[in-house]
Amino acid sequence: MHPWGEEFEEASQSWWSLPPEQLALMIGGVIGGLLLLLLLIGLSCCLWRRLCTTLAYEELPGTTAMATAATFSRQGDRLCQLHAKTPPSRPPGMPFMVPPSLRDQDWVPLHSGERAQAPRDPCPAPELLPHALGDRCVVGAINPELYKFPEDKSETDFPAGCLGRLWFSVEYEQEAERLLVGLIKARQLHTPSETCSPLVKLHLLPDERRFLQSKTKRRTSNPQFDEHFIFQVSSKTVTQRVLRFSVYHVDRQRKHQLLGQVLFPLKSETLAGDCGRIIWRDLEAENLEPPSEFGDLQFCLSYNDYLSRLTVVVLRAKGLRLQEDRGVVSVFVRVSLMNHNKFVKCKKTSAVLGSINPVYNETFSFKADATELDTASLSLTVMQSLEGDKSHQLGRVVVGPYMYTRGRELEHWDEMLSKPKELVKRWHALCHTPEP
């Protein structure tokens, strides 16, 4: 036998004579070595491809000058063609497009040691074009008009007959149960005398006895107060309270003459948020007319014939005859739309705690076709809440066409129809009549 055959036979016998543990270890080592070799080969291929790509971009044809071209969106290309009739071009040998951000910049040194600067592109970059060209707009361009704050005209636009305007802020601290009121300023106060020395008294209605008062500002109809006041009020009743600002003129004899007042209901939406909201309101004259027997109700009416929408704004009531012997007193207004004296839809305001002069400022809308207005009417009923779910009627007023009403109620309805999309405000005397 050949000596190589004898050696191979001995090696194979010695291989199979090894213990199983050593044999498994040797096979695992061989497989691991092969996997490591494949990994090294793969990494080498990746590095070689990157190197080839880099060398391909460094070796550019031509060393004298380099022409650039900008990458545009389709809208940019169309605008460029309108702005300049020469479309952007690129040499056939250029393997890539130069980004617009690198235009008009010096390039790195070339192989010959020269430096080449890209010529100005006849078609400017999109961000340099105007925002609109005819009926076209540049995509991605910034329009500064969208970032301008709306002009504040609260100190310049005053309606005819305005008694003045008051700025204030309101914030409620839920944990401490404190109402923080900031009195900021007043503008264009109308006084009977040439000089004005205003001050402001703050009431948290329905409490008429206790109030807080600002400092008197001498000889100015545009006082700057910048004062802060605190009312302690429970979180359960704060949304049923009304904040009243009464602006007075102090004459030389230190007598207080009322210039106007602002009534601000404390609703949940106005108290929401962590910081105080700056609010302004026009002063209103005090209503010196004595209330009717069962009180009076002020509200606005408006009709939008295009939307077939009837709008009611319940403003306030005065001189109500409350029944205080029936527990906790709270008053709300129920607004009902009726057709042929049948109820169509009913809504109600939030309840105001124990005041004979409650303020609401709440808006309600009803769907009513124009053809139904001859047979439709509105019933506004002032109700007093009693213990449990019971309520007691304090007074009622009905406005509508000639079929149901007369006098001021009919005039209010007709004026609403004659002034579409305009709020018509009036006071109405309440009547103690049973509902249908």
Protein backbone atom coordinates (compact mmCIF):
# COMPACT_ATOMS: atom_id res chain seq x y z
CA MET A 1 0.00 0.00 0.00
CA HIS A 2 1.13 3.55 -0.71
CA PRO A 3 2.51 5.36 2.33
CA TRP A 4 -0.02 8.26 1.83
CA GLY A 5 -2.90 5.81 2.03
CA GLU A 6 -1.55 4.36 5.23
CA GLU A 7 -1.26 7.83 6.77
CA PHE A 8 -4.81 8.78 5.71
CA GLU A 9 -6.18 5.56 7.12
CA GLU A 10 -4.38 6.16 10.42
CA ALA A 11 -5.63 9.77 10.57
CA SER A 12 -9.23 8.71 9.93
CA GLN A 13 -9.00 6.08 12.61
CA SER A 14 -7.53 8.55 15.08
CA TRP A 15 -10.29 11.11 14.12
CA TRP A 16 -13.12 8.72 14.86
CA SER A 17 -11.38 7.44 17.97
CA LEU A 18 -11.67 10.91 19.62
CA PRO A 19 -14.23 11.37 22.39
CA PRO A 20 -17.59 12.89 21.28
CA GLU A 21 -17.04 16.12 23.27
CA GLN A 22 -13.75 16.92 21.56
CA LEU A 23 -15.17 16.00 18.17
CA ALA A 24 -18.13 18.44 18.63
CA LEU A 25 -15.77 21.17 19.79
CA MET A 26 -13.59 20.82 16.72
CA ILE A 27 -16.56 20.90 14.34
CA GLY A 28 -17.91 24.05 16.03
CA GLY A 29 -14.54 25.76 15.70
CA VAL A 30 -14.38 25.01 11.99
CA ILE A 31 -17.91 26.39 11.38
CA GLY A 32 -17.17 29.55 13.43
CA GLY A 33 -14.03 30.18 11.44
CA LEU A 34 -15.94 29.93 8.16
CA LEU A 35 -18.61 32.41 9.35
CA LEU A 36 -15.94 34.88 10.47
CA LEU A 37 -14.27 34.62 7.10
CA LEU A 38 -17.56 35.37 5.30
CA LEU A 39 -18.15 38.44 7.53
CA LEU A 40 -14.71 39.84 6.73
CA ILE A 41 -15.29 39.34 3.02
CA GLY A 42 -18.63 41.22 3.20
CA LEU A 43 -17.15 44.19 5.08
CA SER A 44 -14.31 44.39 2.58
CA CYS A 45 -16.80 44.52 -0.32
CA CYS A 46 -18.77 47.37 1.29
CA LEU A 47 -15.67 49.45 1.96
CA TRP A 48 -14.46 48.89 -1.60
CA ARG A 49 -17.79 50.12 -3.06
CA ARG A 50 -17.73 53.30 -0.98
CA LEU A 51 -14.16 53.98 -1.99
CA CYS A 52 -15.02 53.51 -5.66
CA THR A 53 -18.00 55.90 -5.34
CA THR A 54 -15.89 58.59 -3.70
CA LEU A 55 -13.20 58.34 -6.35
CA ALA A 56 -15.83 58.55 -9.10
CA TYR A 57 -17.16 61.93 -7.71
CA GLU A 58 -13.69 63.38 -7.18
CA GLU A 59 -12.58 62.70 -10.75
CA LEU A 60 -14.85 65.15 -12.55
CA PRO A 61 -14.38 65.88 -16.26
CA GLY A 62 -13.02 69.35 -16.97
CA THR A 63 -10.91 71.41 -14.58
CA THR A 64 -11.38 74.98 -15.80
CA ALA A 65 -14.87 75.83 -14.53
CA MET A 66 -17.88 74.08 -13.15
CA ALA A 67 -21.42 74.89 -14.24
CA THR A 68 -24.16 74.58 -11.67
CA ALA A 69 -27.84 73.85 -11.91
CA ALA A 70 -30.49 74.15 -9.26
CA THR A 71 -32.93 71.48 -8.30
CA PHE A 72 -36.39 72.87 -8.37
CA SER A 73 -39.84 71.54 -7.78
CA ARG A 74 -42.21 71.53 -10.71
CA GLN A 75 -43.80 74.73 -9.53
CA GLY A 76 -40.41 76.39 -9.24
CA ASP A 77 -39.48 75.38 -12.79
CA ARG A 78 -42.71 76.84 -14.16
CA LEU A 79 -42.18 80.10 -12.34
CA CYS A 80 -38.58 80.27 -13.53
CA GLN A 81 -39.70 79.78 -17.11
CA LEU A 82 -42.15 82.66 -16.65
CA HIS A 83 -39.48 84.81 -15.00
CA ALA A 84 -36.59 83.91 -17.32
CA LYS A 85 -37.06 82.23 -20.65
CA THR A 86 -33.78 80.29 -20.36
CA PRO A 87 -34.46 76.95 -18.66
CA PRO A 88 -31.79 75.53 -16.29
CA SER A 89 -29.31 73.22 -17.97
CA ARG A 90 -26.57 70.81 -16.90
CA PRO A 91 -23.50 69.55 -18.82
CA PRO A 92 -23.86 65.93 -19.95
CA GLY A 93 -20.73 64.92 -18.04
CA MET A 94 -21.93 66.29 -14.71
CA PRO A 95 -22.82 63.26 -12.56
CA PHE A 96 -24.91 65.19 -10.02
CA MET A 97 -26.98 68.35 -9.47
CA VAL A 98 -25.50 71.08 -7.27
CA PRO A 99 -27.76 71.88 -4.27
CA PRO A 100 -29.24 75.42 -4.25
CA SER A 101 -27.62 76.16 -0.86
CA LEU A 102 -24.13 75.90 -2.45
CA ARG A 103 -24.85 78.33 -5.26
CA ASP A 104 -22.50 81.36 -5.53
CA GLN A 105 -19.93 79.76 -3.20
CA ASP A 106 -16.27 78.97 -3.83
CA TRP A 107 -15.53 75.32 -4.49
CA VAL A 108 -12.68 73.26 -3.06
CA PRO A 109 -9.35 73.45 -4.93
CA LEU A 110 -9.28 71.55 -8.20
CA HIS A 111 -6.52 69.20 -9.37
CA SER A 112 -4.70 72.02 -11.17
CA GLY A 113 -4.61 74.16 -8.03
CA GLU A 114 -7.17 76.65 -9.35
CA ARG A 115 -10.38 77.60 -7.61
CA ALA A 116 -13.61 77.75 -9.58
CA GLN A 117 -16.69 79.73 -8.57
CA ALA A 118 -20.13 78.73 -9.81
CA PRO A 119 -21.69 81.35 -12.09
CA ARG A 120 -25.02 82.90 -11.09
CA ASP A 121 -27.96 80.82 -12.21
CA PRO A 122 -30.26 82.77 -14.53
CA CYS A 123 -33.20 81.22 -12.68
CA PRO A 124 -33.18 82.29 -9.01
CA ALA A 125 -33.92 79.95 -6.16
CA PRO A 126 -37.58 79.53 -5.18
CA GLU A 127 -37.09 81.17 -1.80
CA LEU A 128 -35.87 84.34 -3.56
CA LEU A 129 -38.90 84.59 -5.82
CA PRO A 130 -41.97 86.62 -4.86
CA HIS A 131 -44.67 84.75 -2.99
CA ALA A 132 -47.15 85.10 -5.79
CA LEU A 133 -46.77 85.65 -9.49
CA GLY A 134 -50.10 86.23 -11.12
CA ASP A 135 -52.32 83.39 -9.98
CA ARG A 136 -49.38 81.16 -9.03
CA CYS A 137 -47.76 80.73 -5.62
CA VAL A 138 -44.38 79.35 -4.69
CA VAL A 139 -44.63 76.12 -2.73
CA GLY A 140 -42.65 76.25 0.52
CA ALA A 141 -42.21 80.05 0.54
CA ILE A 142 -42.90 81.97 3.78
CA ASN A 143 -45.71 84.52 3.68
CA PRO A 144 -45.05 87.09 6.44
CA GLU A 145 -48.69 88.24 6.34
CA LEU A 146 -49.70 84.99 8.05
CA TYR A 147 -47.51 85.73 11.08
CA LYS A 148 -48.73 89.23 11.86
CA PHE A 149 -50.74 89.76 15.03
CA PRO A 150 -54.19 91.24 14.45
CA GLU A 151 -54.21 94.94 15.16
CA ASP A 152 -55.73 95.81 18.53
CA LYS A 153 -58.44 98.38 17.91
CA SER A 154 -60.03 98.20 21.36
CA GLU A 155 -58.59 101.63 22.28
CA THR A 156 -59.52 103.33 19.02
CA ASP A 157 -62.88 101.99 17.88
CA PHE A 158 -65.59 103.35 20.17
CA PRO A 159 -69.25 103.17 19.11
CA ALA A 160 -71.41 106.27 19.05
CA GLY A 161 -72.79 107.15 22.45
CA CYS A 162 -70.22 105.01 24.30
CA LEU A 163 -69.95 105.96 28.00
CA GLY A 164 -66.42 104.56 28.26
CA ARG A 165 -64.58 101.24 28.21
CA LEU A 166 -63.11 99.19 31.04
CA TRP A 167 -60.30 96.60 30.95
CA PHE A 168 -59.98 93.93 33.66
CA SER A 169 -58.84 90.36 34.28
CA VAL A 170 -60.49 87.47 36.13
CA GLU A 171 -58.90 84.31 37.56
CA TYR A 172 -60.22 81.73 40.01
CA GLU A 173 -57.97 79.62 42.26
CA GLN A 174 -59.79 76.34 42.74
CA GLU A 175 -57.81 75.06 45.73
CA ALA A 176 -57.84 78.31 47.73
CA GLU A 177 -61.38 79.20 46.52
CA ARG A 178 -60.29 82.76 45.74
CA LEU A 179 -61.46 84.99 42.90
CA LEU A 180 -58.62 87.25 41.70
CA VAL A 181 -59.75 90.37 39.87
CA GLY A 182 -57.34 92.72 38.16
CA LEU A 183 -58.53 96.26 37.41
CA ILE A 184 -56.34 97.48 34.56
CA LYS A 185 -57.59 100.72 32.98
CA ALA A 186 -60.49 102.73 31.60
CA ARG A 187 -60.66 104.84 28.45
CA GLN A 188 -62.88 107.62 27.06
CA LEU A 189 -64.94 108.17 30.21
CA HIS A 190 -67.75 110.67 29.65
CA THR A 191 -68.33 113.09 32.52
CA PRO A 192 -70.68 116.05 32.88
CA SER A 193 -67.79 118.31 33.95
CA GLU A 194 -64.56 119.17 32.18
CA THR A 195 -62.35 117.26 34.62
CA CYS A 196 -62.81 113.67 35.69
CA SER A 197 -61.61 111.96 38.86
CA PRO A 198 -62.78 108.35 38.52
CA LEU A 199 -62.83 105.44 40.92
CA VAL A 200 -64.28 101.93 40.60
CA LYS A 201 -66.31 99.90 43.08
CA LEU A 202 -66.44 96.11 42.72
CA HIS A 203 -69.41 94.03 43.91
CA LEU A 204 -69.79 90.27 43.76
CA LEU A 205 -73.53 89.95 43.26
CA PRO A 206 -75.94 89.07 44.74
CA ASP A 207 -74.10 90.55 47.72
CA GLU A 208 -74.90 94.26 47.49
CA ARG A 209 -73.50 95.24 50.89
CA ARG A 210 -69.84 94.33 50.66
CA PHE A 211 -67.63 95.82 47.97
CA LEU A 212 -64.01 96.64 47.16
CA GLN A 213 -62.88 100.01 45.89
CA SER A 214 -59.99 101.30 43.78
CA LYS A 215 -57.96 104.43 44.32
CA THR A 216 -59.23 107.71 42.88
CA LYS A 217 -57.38 108.93 39.78
CA ARG A 218 -57.29 112.71 39.57
CA ARG A 219 -58.15 114.75 36.48
CA THR A 220 -58.11 112.10 33.79
CA SER A 221 -60.72 110.49 31.59
CA ASN A 222 -58.28 107.68 30.70
CA PRO A 223 -57.22 106.33 34.11
CA GLN A 224 -54.62 103.57 34.52
CA PHE A 225 -55.45 101.57 37.66
CA ASP A 226 -53.30 98.41 37.70
CA GLU A 227 -54.84 97.22 40.96
CA HIS A 228 -55.72 93.72 42.17
CA PHE A 229 -58.58 92.54 44.37
CA ILE A 230 -59.47 89.22 46.03
CA PHE A 231 -62.92 87.79 46.74
CA GLN A 232 -63.35 84.66 48.86
CA VAL A 233 -66.07 82.59 47.19
CA SER A 234 -66.98 78.89 47.23
CA SER A 235 -66.32 76.83 44.11
CA LYS A 236 -69.90 75.55 44.26
CA THR A 237 -71.44 79.01 43.86
CA VAL A 238 -68.81 80.97 41.90
CA THR A 239 -70.44 80.23 38.54
CA GLN A 240 -73.73 81.65 39.87
CA ARG A 241 -72.19 84.99 40.82
CA VAL A 242 -71.95 88.21 38.81
CA LEU A 243 -69.05 90.65 39.04
CA ARG A 244 -70.14 94.28 38.86
CA PHE A 245 -67.81 97.19 38.16
CA SER A 246 -69.34 100.58 38.98
CA VAL A 247 -67.35 103.58 37.70
CA TYR A 248 -67.89 106.84 39.62
CA HIS A 249 -66.75 110.42 39.23
CA VAL A 250 -65.67 112.08 42.50
CA ASP A 251 -66.40 115.81 42.50
CA ARG A 252 -64.87 118.50 44.69
CA GLN A 253 -67.37 117.84 47.45
CA ARG A 254 -66.33 114.16 47.34
CA LYS A 255 -69.74 113.09 46.11
CA HIS A 256 -69.87 110.00 43.91
CA GLN A 257 -71.62 110.33 40.56
CA LEU A 258 -72.17 107.08 38.62
CA LEU A 259 -70.73 107.17 35.08
CA GLY A 260 -71.60 103.61 34.09
CA GLN A 261 -71.28 99.99 35.09
CA VAL A 262 -70.15 96.63 33.74
CA LEU A 263 -71.88 93.38 34.68
CA PHE A 264 -69.75 90.28 34.11
CA PRO A 265 -71.29 86.83 34.83
CA LEU A 266 -68.75 84.32 36.13
CA LYS A 267 -69.27 81.37 33.80
CA SER A 268 -67.18 78.20 33.76
CA GLU A 269 -65.63 79.00 30.37
CA THR A 270 -64.47 82.46 31.52
CA LEU A 271 -62.76 81.04 34.62
CA ALA A 272 -61.00 78.19 32.78
CA GLY A 273 -57.20 78.34 32.48
CA ASP A 274 -54.25 78.98 34.77
CA CYS A 275 -53.72 82.67 34.03
CA GLY A 276 -56.07 85.64 34.18
CA ARG A 277 -57.75 86.65 30.93
CA ILE A 278 -57.70 90.33 29.95
CA ILE A 279 -61.25 91.36 29.08
CA TRP A 280 -62.77 94.68 28.06
CA ARG A 281 -66.39 95.80 28.20
CA ASP A 282 -68.23 99.03 27.39
CA LEU A 283 -69.90 100.84 30.26
CA GLU A 284 -73.68 100.72 30.44
CA ALA A 285 -75.91 103.33 31.97
CA GLU A 286 -77.88 102.44 35.06
CA ASN A 287 -81.53 101.74 34.34
CA LEU A 288 -83.43 104.18 36.54
CA GLU A 289 -86.89 103.11 35.45
CA PRO A 290 -88.81 101.40 38.27
CA PRO A 291 -89.40 97.69 37.65
CA SER A 292 -92.79 96.29 36.76
CA GLU A 293 -95.01 94.47 39.24
CA PHE A 294 -93.39 91.06 38.60
CA GLY A 295 -90.08 92.36 37.27
CA ASP A 296 -88.58 92.92 33.83
CA LEU A 297 -86.50 90.85 31.43
CA GLN A 298 -84.02 92.13 28.84
CA PHE A 299 -83.13 90.03 25.80
CA CYS A 300 -82.12 90.31 22.12
CA LEU A 301 -83.76 88.77 19.06
CA SER A 302 -82.23 88.07 15.65
CA TYR A 303 -83.28 86.07 12.60
CA ASN A 304 -81.01 84.81 9.84
CA ASP A 305 -83.17 84.07 6.81
CA TYR A 306 -80.30 82.43 4.94
CA LEU A 307 -79.67 79.88 7.72
CA SER A 308 -83.31 79.78 8.90
CA ARG A 309 -82.01 80.41 12.42
CA LEU A 310 -83.77 82.29 15.21
CA THR A 311 -81.38 83.56 17.89
CA VAL A 312 -82.27 84.67 21.43
CA VAL A 313 -79.76 86.32 23.78
CA VAL A 314 -80.99 86.42 27.39
CA LEU A 315 -79.21 89.36 29.02
CA ARG A 316 -80.62 90.11 32.47
CA ALA A 317 -83.66 90.56 34.67
CA LYS A 318 -84.50 93.13 37.37
CA GLY A 319 -86.99 93.62 40.16
CA LEU A 320 -87.92 89.95 40.53
CA ARG A 321 -90.25 88.98 43.37
CA LEU A 322 -88.45 86.03 44.91
CA GLN A 323 -90.01 83.69 47.45
CA GLU A 324 -87.20 83.57 49.97
CA ASP A 325 -89.11 81.39 52.42
CA ARG A 326 -88.61 78.32 50.23
CA GLY A 327 -84.96 77.54 50.95
CA VAL A 328 -81.99 78.34 48.71
CA VAL A 329 -82.95 80.82 46.02
CA SER A 330 -81.61 80.48 42.46
CA VAL A 331 -83.18 81.89 39.32
CA PHE A 332 -83.01 80.75 35.69
CA VAL A 333 -84.82 81.57 32.44
CA ARG A 334 -86.55 78.98 30.27
CA VAL A 335 -86.75 79.83 26.55
CA SER A 336 -89.35 77.94 24.50
CA LEU A 337 -90.07 78.00 20.77
CA MET A 338 -93.75 77.40 20.05
CA ASN A 339 -95.79 76.87 16.90
CA HIS A 340 -99.57 77.17 17.07
CA ASN A 341 -99.19 77.37 20.88
CA LYS A 342 -97.50 73.95 20.93
CA PHE A 343 -93.97 73.53 22.28
CA VAL A 344 -91.37 72.77 19.60
CA LYS A 345 -88.15 73.05 21.59
CA CYS A 346 -87.18 74.28 25.06
CA LYS A 347 -83.84 75.50 26.46
CA LYS A 348 -82.82 77.16 29.71
CA THR A 349 -80.06 79.33 31.12
CA SER A 350 -77.79 78.51 34.02
CA ALA A 351 -79.09 79.31 37.51
CA VAL A 352 -78.00 82.54 39.23
CA LEU A 353 -77.89 82.45 43.00
CA GLY A 354 -80.33 84.57 45.01
CA SER A 355 -80.46 87.89 43.14
CA ILE A 356 -83.47 89.96 42.24
CA ASN A 357 -81.38 91.40 39.37
CA PRO A 358 -79.69 88.34 37.81
CA VAL A 359 -77.37 88.64 34.79
CA TYR A 360 -77.08 85.82 32.23
CA ASN A 361 -75.66 86.89 28.82
CA GLU A 362 -76.46 83.50 27.29
CA THR A 363 -77.31 82.78 23.65
CA PHE A 364 -79.73 80.20 22.24
CA SER A 365 -80.51 79.29 18.62
CA PHE A 366 -83.57 77.61 17.14
CA LYS A 367 -84.23 76.23 13.67
CA ALA A 368 -87.21 78.03 12.20
CA ASP A 369 -88.16 78.31 8.55
CA ALA A 370 -89.26 81.71 7.25
CA THR A 371 -92.68 80.32 6.36
CA GLU A 372 -93.23 79.33 10.01
CA LEU A 373 -92.65 82.78 11.51
CA ASP A 374 -96.29 83.81 11.04
CA THR A 375 -97.41 81.04 13.39
CA ALA A 376 -94.34 80.77 15.65
CA SER A 377 -93.68 82.57 18.94
CA LEU A 378 -91.14 82.66 21.76
CA SER A 379 -91.97 82.21 25.42
CA LEU A 380 -89.42 83.36 28.03
CA THR A 381 -90.27 82.28 31.58
CA VAL A 382 -88.31 83.30 34.68
CA MET A 383 -88.22 80.40 37.14
CA GLN A 384 -87.14 80.11 40.77
CA SER A 385 -85.63 76.77 41.81
CA LEU A 386 -87.12 75.16 44.91
CA GLU A 387 -86.06 72.23 47.03
CA GLY A 388 -85.60 69.05 45.05
CA ASP A 389 -86.39 69.31 41.33
CA LYS A 390 -89.34 71.67 41.74
CA SER A 391 -89.48 75.22 40.41
CA HIS A 392 -91.79 78.20 40.72
CA GLN A 393 -92.74 80.64 37.96
CA LEU A 394 -91.89 84.28 38.71
CA GLY A 395 -93.01 85.80 35.44
CA ARG A 396 -93.39 85.24 31.72
CA VAL A 397 -93.23 87.18 28.46
CA VAL A 398 -94.27 86.08 24.96
CA VAL A 399 -93.00 87.70 21.74
CA GLY A 400 -94.33 86.83 18.31
CA PRO A 401 -96.54 87.93 15.41
CA TYR A 402 -99.91 89.69 15.60
CA MET A 403 -101.66 86.36 16.16
CA TYR A 404 -100.27 86.09 19.70
CA THR A 405 -98.95 89.48 20.89
CA ARG A 406 -99.55 93.21 20.96
CA GLY A 407 -97.65 96.30 22.05
CA ARG A 408 -93.92 96.17 22.81
CA GLU A 409 -93.73 92.40 22.27
CA LEU A 410 -95.17 92.71 18.75
CA GLU A 411 -92.90 95.70 17.98
CA HIS A 412 -89.85 93.71 19.06
CA TRP A 413 -90.81 90.80 16.78
CA ASP A 414 -91.52 93.05 13.79
CA GLU A 415 -88.25 94.97 14.26
CA MET A 416 -86.36 91.66 14.30
CA LEU A 417 -87.90 90.70 10.95
CA SER A 418 -87.16 94.12 9.44
CA LYS A 419 -83.49 93.95 10.48
CA PRO A 420 -82.26 90.47 9.47
CA LYS A 421 -78.96 89.24 10.98
CA GLU A 422 -79.00 92.12 13.49
CA LEU A 423 -79.49 91.80 17.25
CA VAL A 424 -82.46 93.84 18.48
CA LYS A 425 -82.38 94.47 22.26
CA ARG A 426 -85.34 95.46 24.44
CA TRP A 427 -86.75 95.31 27.96
CA HIS A 428 -90.07 93.56 28.55
CA ALA A 429 -92.34 93.50 31.59
CA LEU A 430 -93.02 90.07 33.05
CA CYS A 431 -96.59 88.86 33.48
CA HIS A 432 -97.79 86.24 35.92
CA THR A 433 -99.79 84.04 33.54
CA PRO A 434 -100.09 80.25 33.44
CA GLU A 435 -98.27 78.46 30.63
CA PRO A 436 -100.29 76.59 27.99
